């Protein structure tokens, strides 16, 4: 079993735990989507496939481990990822790069990304929202209990923020989805 296979199973297992406040939807509608996008687009970014695959699997590990970690999930997640990867005897230089990807993936924390891998993971995290619109709508109507108009505006605003924080490459990759979502949600 490859390191990627092992990490895939570790993250999916954490998402399946009853202690995961976000439920299996965190896996089905976000983490797995980020992972699939990162694998698909790594070459387009000139990024290392293995690094972006592992970082995308691990980017939200803290949030699914303990909802109390959500605000600082990028910091705590980098530490959890390091622990998991050290147990697998993964090379320390690669662990450092994966940690940087996790630390810098949040669109709400605009930091300079110094590697193609960081840009790829951050963009794919934002892109996942364009492939998970039904889960965003479910969240605003079921969990936030918003009206139809409030929910549509909330999702549209989230998509606009996600789009505007992506690199130019990321924007090109989801421009069609972004335009379609805007026309539907307005």
C-alpha atoms as a PDB file:
ATOM      1  CA  UNK A   1       0.000   0.000   0.000  1.00  0.00           C
ATOM      2  CA  UNK A   2       1.394   3.419  -0.963  1.00  0.00           C
ATOM      3  CA  UNK A   3       1.689   6.354   1.435  1.00  0.00           C
ATOM      4  CA  UNK A   4      -1.131   8.018  -0.511  1.00  0.00           C
ATOM      5  CA  UNK A   5      -3.377   4.979  -0.022  1.00  0.00           C
ATOM      6  CA  UNK A   6      -2.612   4.925   3.708  1.00  0.00           C
ATOM      7  CA  UNK A   7      -3.292   8.641   4.191  1.00  0.00           C
ATOM      8  CA  UNK A   8      -6.475   8.367   2.120  1.00  0.00           C
ATOM      9  CA  UNK A   9      -7.769   5.686   4.489  1.00  0.00           C
ATOM     10  CA  UNK A  10      -6.692   7.575   7.631  1.00  0.00           C
ATOM     11  CA  UNK A  11      -8.508  10.745   6.582  1.00  0.00           C
ATOM     12  CA  UNK A  12     -11.614   8.935   5.348  1.00  0.00           C
ATOM     13  CA  UNK A  13     -11.723   6.987   8.624  1.00  0.00           C
ATOM     14  CA  UNK A  14     -11.576  10.207  10.653  1.00  0.00           C
ATOM     15  CA  UNK A  15     -14.404  11.614   8.570  1.00  0.00           C
ATOM     16  CA  UNK A  16     -16.504   8.526   9.324  1.00  0.00           C
ATOM     17  CA  UNK A  17     -16.103   8.877  13.091  1.00  0.00           C
ATOM     18  CA  UNK A  18     -19.130   9.987  15.121  1.00  0.00           C
ATOM     19  CA  UNK A  19     -16.893  12.650  16.687  1.00  0.00           C
ATOM     20  CA  UNK A  20     -16.625  14.415  13.309  1.00  0.00           C
ATOM     21  CA  UNK A  21     -19.162  17.234  13.727  1.00  0.00           C
ATOM     22  CA  UNK A  22     -19.246  17.760   9.951  1.00  0.00           C
ATOM     23  CA  UNK A  23     -20.216  14.160   9.218  1.00  0.00           C
ATOM     24  CA  UNK A  24     -19.190  12.096   6.226  1.00  0.00           C
ATOM     25  CA  UNK A  25     -20.223  15.022   4.015  1.00  0.00           C
ATOM     26  CA  UNK A  26     -16.874  16.627   4.858  1.00  0.00           C
ATOM     27  CA  UNK A  27     -15.281  13.720   3.010  1.00  0.00           C
ATOM     28  CA  UNK A  28     -17.838  13.193   0.246  1.00  0.00           C
ATOM     29  CA  UNK A  29     -18.396  16.850  -0.610  1.00  0.00           C
ATOM     30  CA  UNK A  30     -15.125  18.543   0.217  1.00  0.00           C
ATOM     31  CA  UNK A  31     -11.937  16.667   1.107  1.00  0.00           C
ATOM     32  CA  UNK A  32     -12.329  13.999  -1.574  1.00  0.00           C
ATOM     33  CA  UNK A  33     -13.198  16.704  -4.120  1.00  0.00           C
ATOM     34  CA  UNK A  34     -10.120  18.773  -3.217  1.00  0.00           C
ATOM     35  CA  UNK A  35      -7.995  15.626  -3.500  1.00  0.00           C
ATOM     36  CA  UNK A  36      -9.425  14.690  -6.905  1.00  0.00           C
ATOM     37  CA  UNK A  37      -8.977  18.235  -8.228  1.00  0.00           C
ATOM     38  CA  UNK A  38      -5.398  18.415  -6.929  1.00  0.00           C
ATOM     39  CA  UNK A  39      -4.526  15.109  -8.590  1.00  0.00           C
ATOM     40  CA  UNK A  40      -6.140  16.298 -11.814  1.00  0.00           C
ATOM     41  CA  UNK A  41      -4.446  19.710 -11.896  1.00  0.00           C
ATOM     42  CA  UNK A  42      -1.022  19.142 -10.277  1.00  0.00           C
ATOM     43  CA  UNK A  43       0.721  19.018 -13.655  1.00  0.00           C
ATOM     44  CA  UNK A  44      -1.043  22.197 -14.820  1.00  0.00           C
ATOM     45  CA  UNK A  45       0.489  23.983 -11.824  1.00  0.00           C
ATOM     46  CA  UNK A  46       3.919  22.394 -12.279  1.00  0.00           C
ATOM     47  CA  UNK A  47       3.420  20.878  -8.826  1.00  0.00           C
ATOM     48  CA  UNK A  48       4.643  17.603  -7.380  1.00  0.00           C
ATOM     49  CA  UNK A  49       1.757  15.123  -7.706  1.00  0.00           C
ATOM     50  CA  UNK A  50       2.511  13.229  -4.497  1.00  0.00           C
ATOM     51  CA  UNK A  51       2.902  16.373  -2.389  1.00  0.00           C
ATOM     52  CA  UNK A  52      -0.387  17.914  -3.551  1.00  0.00           C
ATOM     53  CA  UNK A  53      -2.211  14.585  -3.205  1.00  0.00           C
ATOM     54  CA  UNK A  54      -1.097  14.147   0.408  1.00  0.00           C
ATOM     55  CA  UNK A  55      -1.553  17.804   1.326  1.00  0.00           C
ATOM     56  CA  UNK A  56      -5.035  17.913  -0.185  1.00  0.00           C
ATOM     57  CA  UNK A  57      -6.057  14.808   1.748  1.00  0.00           C
ATOM     58  CA  UNK A  58      -4.683  16.254   4.988  1.00  0.00           C
ATOM     59  CA  UNK A  59      -5.608  19.935   4.594  1.00  0.00           C
ATOM     60  CA  UNK A  60      -8.741  19.736   6.816  1.00  0.00           C
ATOM     61  CA  UNK A  61      -7.720  16.846   9.077  1.00  0.00           C
ATOM     62  CA  UNK A  62      -7.883  19.019  12.188  1.00  0.00           C
ATOM     63  CA  UNK A  63     -11.471  20.136  11.528  1.00  0.00           C
ATOM     64  CA  UNK A  64     -12.759  16.585  11.140  1.00  0.00           C
ATOM     65  CA  UNK A  65     -10.757  15.452  14.167  1.00  0.00           C
ATOM     66  CA  UNK A  66     -12.226  18.040  16.545  1.00  0.00           C
ATOM     67  CA  UNK A  67     -14.654  20.842  15.651  1.00  0.00           C
ATOM     68  CA  UNK A  68     -12.912  22.954  18.304  1.00  0.00           C
ATOM     69  CA  UNK A  69      -9.860  23.036  16.037  1.00  0.00           C
ATOM     70  CA  UNK A  70     -11.738  24.607  13.131  1.00  0.00           C
ATOM     71  CA  UNK A  71     -10.607  28.208  13.610  1.00  0.00           C
ATOM     72  CA  UNK A  72      -6.944  27.202  13.731  1.00  0.00           C
ATOM     73  CA  UNK A  73      -7.328  24.042  11.643  1.00  0.00           C
ATOM     74  CA  UNK A  74      -4.554  25.033   9.264  1.00  0.00           C
ATOM     75  CA  UNK A  75      -2.031  25.241  12.134  1.00  0.00           C
ATOM     76  CA  UNK A  76      -3.228  22.205  14.068  1.00  0.00           C
ATOM     77  CA  UNK A  77      -3.713  20.249  10.840  1.00  0.00           C
ATOM     78  CA  UNK A  78      -0.089  20.807   9.838  1.00  0.00           C
ATOM     79  CA  UNK A  79       0.985  19.281  13.166  1.00  0.00           C
ATOM     80  CA  UNK A  80      -1.377  16.313  12.821  1.00  0.00           C
ATOM     81  CA  UNK A  81      -0.167  15.744   9.243  1.00  0.00           C
ATOM     82  CA  UNK A  82       3.439  15.787  10.431  1.00  0.00           C
ATOM     83  CA  UNK A  83       2.670  13.161  13.096  1.00  0.00           C
ATOM     84  CA  UNK A  84       0.931  10.895  10.568  1.00  0.00           C
ATOM     85  CA  UNK A  85       3.709  11.230   7.995  1.00  0.00           C
ATOM     86  CA  UNK A  86       6.515  10.711  10.521  1.00  0.00           C
ATOM     87  CA  UNK A  87       4.846   7.446  11.572  1.00  0.00           C
ATOM     88  CA  UNK A  88       5.101   6.369   7.935  1.00  0.00           C
ATOM     89  CA  UNK A  89       8.806   7.347   7.772  1.00  0.00           C
ATOM     90  CA  UNK A  90       8.031   9.911   5.107  1.00  0.00           C
ATOM     91  CA  UNK A  91      10.992  12.176   4.168  1.00  0.00           C
ATOM     92  CA  UNK A  92      11.218  15.271   6.373  1.00  0.00           C
ATOM     93  CA  UNK A  93      11.780  17.696   3.466  1.00  0.00           C
ATOM     94  CA  UNK A  94       8.561  16.497   1.853  1.00  0.00           C
ATOM     95  CA  UNK A  95       6.739  16.715   5.191  1.00  0.00           C
ATOM     96  CA  UNK A  96       7.824  20.353   5.468  1.00  0.00           C
ATOM     97  CA  UNK A  97       6.373  21.141   2.043  1.00  0.00           C
ATOM     98  CA  UNK A  98       3.093  19.374   2.868  1.00  0.00           C
ATOM     99  CA  UNK A  99       2.883  21.339   6.123  1.00  0.00           C
ATOM    100  CA  UNK A 100       3.355  24.604   4.194  1.00  0.00           C
ATOM    101  CA  UNK A 101       0.541  23.612   1.837  1.00  0.00           C
ATOM    102  CA  UNK A 102      -1.750  22.953   4.806  1.00  0.00           C
ATOM    103  CA  UNK A 103      -0.709  26.131   6.641  1.00  0.00           C
ATOM    104  CA  UNK A 104      -1.354  28.256   3.545  1.00  0.00           C
ATOM    105  CA  UNK A 105      -4.466  26.631   2.048  1.00  0.00           C
ATOM    106  CA  UNK A 106      -7.071  28.884   3.662  1.00  0.00           C
ATOM    107  CA  UNK A 107      -8.581  31.508   1.437  1.00  0.00           C
ATOM    108  CA  UNK A 108      -9.474  33.552   4.509  1.00  0.00           C
ATOM    109  CA  UNK A 109      -5.780  33.800   5.418  1.00  0.00           C
ATOM    110  CA  UNK A 110      -4.128  35.514   2.501  1.00  0.00           C
ATOM    111  CA  UNK A 111      -0.449  34.667   2.677  1.00  0.00           C
ATOM    112  CA  UNK A 112       2.219  34.541   0.020  1.00  0.00           C
ATOM    113  CA  UNK A 113       2.562  31.053  -1.340  1.00  0.00           C
ATOM    114  CA  UNK A 114       6.126  30.249  -2.294  1.00  0.00           C
ATOM    115  CA  UNK A 115       5.649  26.930  -4.101  1.00  0.00           C
ATOM    116  CA  UNK A 116       3.528  25.604  -6.917  1.00  0.00           C
ATOM    117  CA  UNK A 117       2.247  22.975  -4.510  1.00  0.00           C
ATOM    118  CA  UNK A 118       0.894  25.594  -2.080  1.00  0.00           C
ATOM    119  CA  UNK A 119      -0.886  27.445  -4.885  1.00  0.00           C
ATOM    120  CA  UNK A 120      -2.329  24.205  -6.283  1.00  0.00           C
ATOM    121  CA  UNK A 121      -3.713  23.006  -2.921  1.00  0.00           C
ATOM    122  CA  UNK A 122      -5.129  26.431  -2.001  1.00  0.00           C
ATOM    123  CA  UNK A 123      -6.762  26.810  -5.417  1.00  0.00           C
ATOM    124  CA  UNK A 124      -8.205  23.283  -5.359  1.00  0.00           C
ATOM    125  CA  UNK A 125      -9.607  23.916  -1.871  1.00  0.00           C
ATOM    126  CA  UNK A 126     -11.420  26.979  -3.250  1.00  0.00           C
ATOM    127  CA  UNK A 127     -12.376  25.214  -6.496  1.00  0.00           C
ATOM    128  CA  UNK A 128     -14.070  22.428  -4.543  1.00  0.00           C
ATOM    129  CA  UNK A 129     -16.816  24.889  -3.604  1.00  0.00           C
ATOM    130  CA  UNK A 130     -17.795  25.124  -7.281  1.00  0.00           C
ATOM    131  CA  UNK A 131     -18.179  21.350  -7.433  1.00  0.00           C
ATOM    132  CA  UNK A 132     -20.087  21.130  -4.141  1.00  0.00           C
ATOM    133  CA  UNK A 133     -22.814  23.733  -4.534  1.00  0.00           C
ATOM    134  CA  UNK A 134     -25.557  21.327  -3.394  1.00  0.00           C
ATOM    135  CA  UNK A 135     -23.726  20.784  -0.095  1.00  0.00           C
ATOM    136  CA  UNK A 136     -23.344  24.540   0.352  1.00  0.00           C
ATOM    137  CA  UNK A 137     -27.062  24.984  -0.240  1.00  0.00           C
ATOM    138  CA  UNK A 138     -27.828  22.205   2.219  1.00  0.00           C
ATOM    139  CA  UNK A 139     -25.678  23.949   4.822  1.00  0.00           C
ATOM    140  CA  UNK A 140     -27.365  27.339   4.426  1.00  0.00           C
ATOM    141  CA  UNK A 141     -30.896  25.984   4.426  1.00  0.00           C
ATOM    142  CA  UNK A 142     -30.621  23.128   6.924  1.00  0.00           C
ATOM    143  CA  UNK A 143     -27.912  24.225   9.340  1.00  0.00           C
ATOM    144  CA  UNK A 144     -28.106  28.008   9.109  1.00  0.00           C
ATOM    145  CA  UNK A 145     -31.881  27.985   8.543  1.00  0.00           C
ATOM    146  CA  UNK A 146     -31.698  30.889   6.089  1.00  0.00           C
ATOM    147  CA  UNK A 147     -34.485  31.982   3.781  1.00  0.00           C
ATOM    148  CA  UNK A 148     -34.213  31.129   0.085  1.00  0.00           C
ATOM    149  CA  UNK A 149     -32.938  34.616  -0.799  1.00  0.00           C
ATOM    150  CA  UNK A 150     -30.535  34.765   2.166  1.00  0.00           C
ATOM    151  CA  UNK A 151     -29.183  31.307   1.375  1.00  0.00           C
ATOM    152  CA  UNK A 152     -28.647  32.078  -2.297  1.00  0.00           C
ATOM    153  CA  UNK A 153     -26.834  35.288  -1.380  1.00  0.00           C
ATOM    154  CA  UNK A 154     -24.694  33.499   1.218  1.00  0.00           C
ATOM    155  CA  UNK A 155     -23.586  30.839  -1.283  1.00  0.00           C
ATOM    156  CA  UNK A 156     -22.994  33.382  -4.041  1.00  0.00           C
ATOM    157  CA  UNK A 157     -20.895  35.541  -1.700  1.00  0.00           C
ATOM    158  CA  UNK A 158     -18.871  32.480  -0.640  1.00  0.00           C
ATOM    159  CA  UNK A 159     -18.241  31.512  -4.256  1.00  0.00           C
ATOM    160  CA  UNK A 160     -17.223  35.082  -5.122  1.00  0.00           C
ATOM    161  CA  UNK A 161     -14.765  35.159  -2.202  1.00  0.00           C
ATOM    162  CA  UNK A 162     -13.363  31.779  -3.207  1.00  0.00           C
ATOM    163  CA  UNK A 163     -12.992  32.830  -6.841  1.00  0.00           C
ATOM    164  CA  UNK A 164     -11.348  36.147  -6.032  1.00  0.00           C
ATOM    165  CA  UNK A 165      -8.742  34.509  -3.773  1.00  0.00           C
ATOM    166  CA  UNK A 166      -7.581  32.019  -6.397  1.00  0.00           C
ATOM    167  CA  UNK A 167      -4.565  32.410  -8.629  1.00  0.00           C
ATOM    168  CA  UNK A 168      -5.193  33.351 -12.249  1.00  0.00           C
ATOM    169  CA  UNK A 169      -4.697  29.688 -13.200  1.00  0.00           C
ATOM    170  CA  UNK A 170      -7.365  28.594 -10.691  1.00  0.00           C
ATOM    171  CA  UNK A 171      -9.773  31.239 -11.954  1.00  0.00           C
ATOM    172  CA  UNK A 172      -9.328  29.984 -15.517  1.00  0.00           C
ATOM    173  CA  UNK A 173     -10.014  26.399 -14.430  1.00  0.00           C
ATOM    174  CA  UNK A 174     -13.389  27.212 -12.797  1.00  0.00           C
ATOM    175  CA  UNK A 175     -14.514  30.240 -14.778  1.00  0.00           C
ATOM    176  CA  UNK A 176     -17.325  28.309 -16.510  1.00  0.00           C
ATOM    177  CA  UNK A 177     -18.612  26.926 -13.189  1.00  0.00           C
ATOM    178  CA  UNK A 178     -18.336  30.364 -11.560  1.00  0.00           C
ATOM    179  CA  UNK A 179     -20.321  32.078 -14.321  1.00  0.00           C
ATOM    180  CA  UNK A 180     -22.981  29.337 -14.258  1.00  0.00           C
ATOM    181  CA  UNK A 181     -23.330  29.563 -10.473  1.00  0.00           C
ATOM    182  CA  UNK A 182     -23.653  33.361 -10.643  1.00  0.00           C
ATOM    183  CA  UNK A 183     -26.426  33.157 -13.207  1.00  0.00           C
ATOM    184  CA  UNK A 184     -28.348  30.563 -11.165  1.00  0.00           C
ATOM    185  CA  UNK A 185     -27.909  32.115  -7.720  1.00  0.00           C
ATOM    186  CA  UNK A 186     -28.708  35.748  -8.642  1.00  0.00           C
END
